[in-house]
N, C-alpha and C. Protein backbone atom coordinates (compact mmCIF):
# COMPACT_ATOMS: atom_id res chain seq x y z
N MET A 1 -15.17 0.83 -23.86
CA MET A 1 -13.89 0.11 -23.12
C MET A 1 -14.40 -0.31 -21.90
N TYR A 2 -15.40 0.19 -21.02
CA TYR A 2 -15.95 -0.26 -19.81
C TYR A 2 -17.09 -1.10 -19.85
N ASP A 3 -17.36 -1.55 -20.94
CA ASP A 3 -18.43 -2.56 -21.34
C ASP A 3 -17.81 -3.63 -21.84
N ASN A 4 -16.21 -3.76 -22.03
CA ASN A 4 -15.83 -4.76 -22.60
C ASN A 4 -14.59 -5.31 -21.36
N PRO A 5 -15.09 -6.51 -20.92
CA PRO A 5 -14.13 -7.07 -19.88
C PRO A 5 -12.93 -7.50 -20.32
N ALA A 6 -12.50 -7.62 -21.38
CA ALA A 6 -11.48 -8.12 -22.08
C ALA A 6 -10.25 -7.24 -22.53
N ALA A 7 -11.04 -5.90 -22.35
CA ALA A 7 -10.20 -4.47 -22.86
C ALA A 7 -8.83 -4.34 -22.09
N PRO A 8 -9.22 -4.49 -20.57
CA PRO A 8 -7.92 -3.88 -19.78
C PRO A 8 -6.54 -5.21 -19.68
N MET A 9 -7.11 -6.50 -20.15
CA MET A 9 -6.13 -7.55 -20.54
C MET A 9 -5.46 -7.07 -21.86
N ALA A 10 -6.14 -6.65 -22.85
CA ALA A 10 -5.30 -6.38 -24.31
C ALA A 10 -4.29 -5.43 -24.25
N ALA A 11 -4.62 -4.28 -23.31
CA ALA A 11 -4.03 -3.20 -23.24
C ALA A 11 -2.69 -3.52 -22.13
N GLY A 12 -2.77 -3.92 -21.69
CA GLY A 12 -1.44 -4.34 -20.26
C GLY A 12 -1.35 -5.60 -19.80
N ILE A 13 -1.07 -6.62 -20.49
CA ILE A 13 -0.81 -8.00 -20.74
C ILE A 13 0.92 -7.97 -20.19
N GLY A 14 1.30 -8.04 -18.80
CA GLY A 14 2.27 -8.11 -18.24
C GLY A 14 3.17 -6.66 -18.25
N SER A 15 2.57 -5.75 -18.36
CA SER A 15 3.22 -4.54 -18.29
C SER A 15 3.02 -3.46 -16.93
N GLY A 16 1.90 -4.57 -15.97
CA GLY A 16 1.92 -3.84 -15.07
C GLY A 16 1.35 -2.38 -14.94
N THR A 17 0.04 -2.18 -15.68
CA THR A 17 -0.49 -1.04 -15.91
C THR A 17 -1.54 -1.06 -14.54
N LEU A 18 -2.06 -0.12 -14.24
CA LEU A 18 -2.94 0.55 -13.18
C LEU A 18 -4.22 0.18 -13.94
N ALA A 19 -5.26 -0.31 -13.31
CA ALA A 19 -6.39 -0.77 -13.97
C ALA A 19 -7.43 0.35 -14.58
N MET A 20 -7.21 0.63 -15.59
CA MET A 20 -8.21 1.26 -16.56
C MET A 20 -7.67 3.18 -16.29
N THR A 21 -6.46 3.39 -15.99
CA THR A 21 -6.29 4.55 -15.64
C THR A 21 -5.37 4.98 -16.65
N GLY A 22 -4.44 4.09 -17.53
CA GLY A 22 -3.54 4.34 -18.32
C GLY A 22 -1.78 4.53 -17.75
N ALA A 23 -1.66 4.47 -16.41
CA ALA A 23 -0.78 4.64 -15.69
C ALA A 23 0.62 3.07 -16.07
N GLY A 24 1.32 3.33 -16.28
CA GLY A 24 2.43 2.38 -16.58
C GLY A 24 3.06 2.22 -15.70
N ASP A 25 4.56 1.30 -16.07
CA ASP A 25 5.15 0.84 -15.13
C ASP A 25 6.20 2.13 -14.38
N PHE A 26 6.00 3.31 -15.23
CA PHE A 26 6.78 4.41 -14.60
C PHE A 26 6.32 4.86 -13.28
N PHE A 27 4.97 4.92 -13.21
CA PHE A 27 4.24 5.14 -11.73
C PHE A 27 4.55 4.35 -10.77
N TRP A 28 4.46 3.00 -11.10
CA TRP A 28 4.97 1.92 -10.12
C TRP A 28 6.51 2.32 -9.77
N VAL A 29 7.35 2.37 -10.73
CA VAL A 29 8.81 2.44 -10.51
C VAL A 29 8.99 3.91 -9.41
N GLY A 30 8.02 4.94 -9.65
CA GLY A 30 8.25 6.12 -8.79
C GLY A 30 7.71 5.81 -7.33
N LEU A 31 6.52 5.12 -7.27
CA LEU A 31 6.08 4.72 -6.13
C LEU A 31 6.95 4.00 -5.33
N ALA A 32 7.61 3.14 -5.97
CA ALA A 32 8.82 2.43 -5.29
C ALA A 32 9.48 2.79 -4.32
N ALA A 33 10.14 3.96 -5.51
CA ALA A 33 11.32 4.96 -5.00
C ALA A 33 10.63 5.77 -3.82
N PHE A 34 9.46 6.50 -3.76
CA PHE A 34 9.19 7.27 -2.60
C PHE A 34 9.10 6.37 -1.74
N ALA A 35 8.35 4.87 -1.55
CA ALA A 35 8.26 4.09 -0.47
C ALA A 35 9.85 3.96 0.18
N MET A 36 10.87 3.39 -0.95
CA MET A 36 12.07 3.27 -0.19
C MET A 36 12.65 4.33 0.49
N VAL A 37 12.47 5.82 -0.31
CA VAL A 37 12.94 7.01 0.68
C VAL A 37 12.39 7.12 1.95
N ALA A 38 10.93 6.99 1.82
CA ALA A 38 10.48 7.06 3.11
C ALA A 38 10.64 6.26 3.92
N LEU A 39 10.97 4.69 3.77
CA LEU A 39 11.23 3.55 4.65
C LEU A 39 12.64 4.05 5.34
N GLY A 40 13.66 4.45 4.33
CA GLY A 40 15.05 4.85 4.74
C GLY A 40 14.75 5.93 6.04
N MET A 41 14.09 7.14 5.48
CA MET A 41 14.19 8.26 6.70
C MET A 41 13.36 7.85 7.80
N ALA A 42 12.44 6.96 7.77
CA ALA A 42 11.89 6.39 9.06
C ALA A 42 12.81 5.55 9.77
N VAL A 43 13.42 4.88 9.43
CA VAL A 43 14.76 4.01 9.85
C VAL A 43 15.65 5.08 10.52
N LYS A 44 15.81 6.06 10.01
CA LYS A 44 17.23 6.78 10.30
C LYS A 44 16.78 7.78 11.38
N ARG A 45 15.42 7.84 11.69
CA ARG A 45 14.82 8.38 12.81
C ARG A 45 14.72 7.68 13.81
N ILE A 46 14.58 6.12 13.65
CA ILE A 46 14.28 5.34 14.84
C ILE A 46 15.85 4.78 15.36
N VAL A 47 16.54 4.66 14.48
CA VAL A 47 18.04 4.08 15.00
C VAL A 47 18.90 5.03 16.23
N PRO A 48 19.18 4.80 16.93
CA PRO A 48 19.87 5.86 17.72
C PRO A 48 21.22 6.00 17.19
N VAL A 49 21.98 7.18 17.57
CA VAL A 49 23.11 7.76 16.86
C VAL A 49 24.14 7.44 17.63
N ARG A 50 25.27 6.63 17.13
CA ARG A 50 26.26 6.28 17.85
C ARG A 50 27.39 7.12 17.71
N GLY A 51 28.00 7.23 18.79
CA GLY A 51 29.08 8.58 19.08
C GLY A 51 29.24 8.67 20.52
N GLY A 52 30.43 9.79 20.34
CA GLY A 52 30.70 10.03 22.08
C GLY A 52 30.36 11.49 22.10
N ASN A 53 30.92 12.05 23.10
CA ASN A 53 30.81 13.55 23.49
C ASN A 53 31.97 14.05 22.79
N SER A 54 32.03 14.46 22.02
CA SER A 54 33.39 14.98 21.39
C SER A 54 32.94 16.61 21.38
């Protein structure tokens, strides 16, 4: 596998596989979801709260 430079191409054409680890599209979807949640939490901390003294 490591001696054949064409092996990663044959296993993952267009499928978004992580190079030579076997992690597929599910890994990238999970990573993207984590990044979006982290971004949302960061924005929520930065943006001031609108509201009066109730």
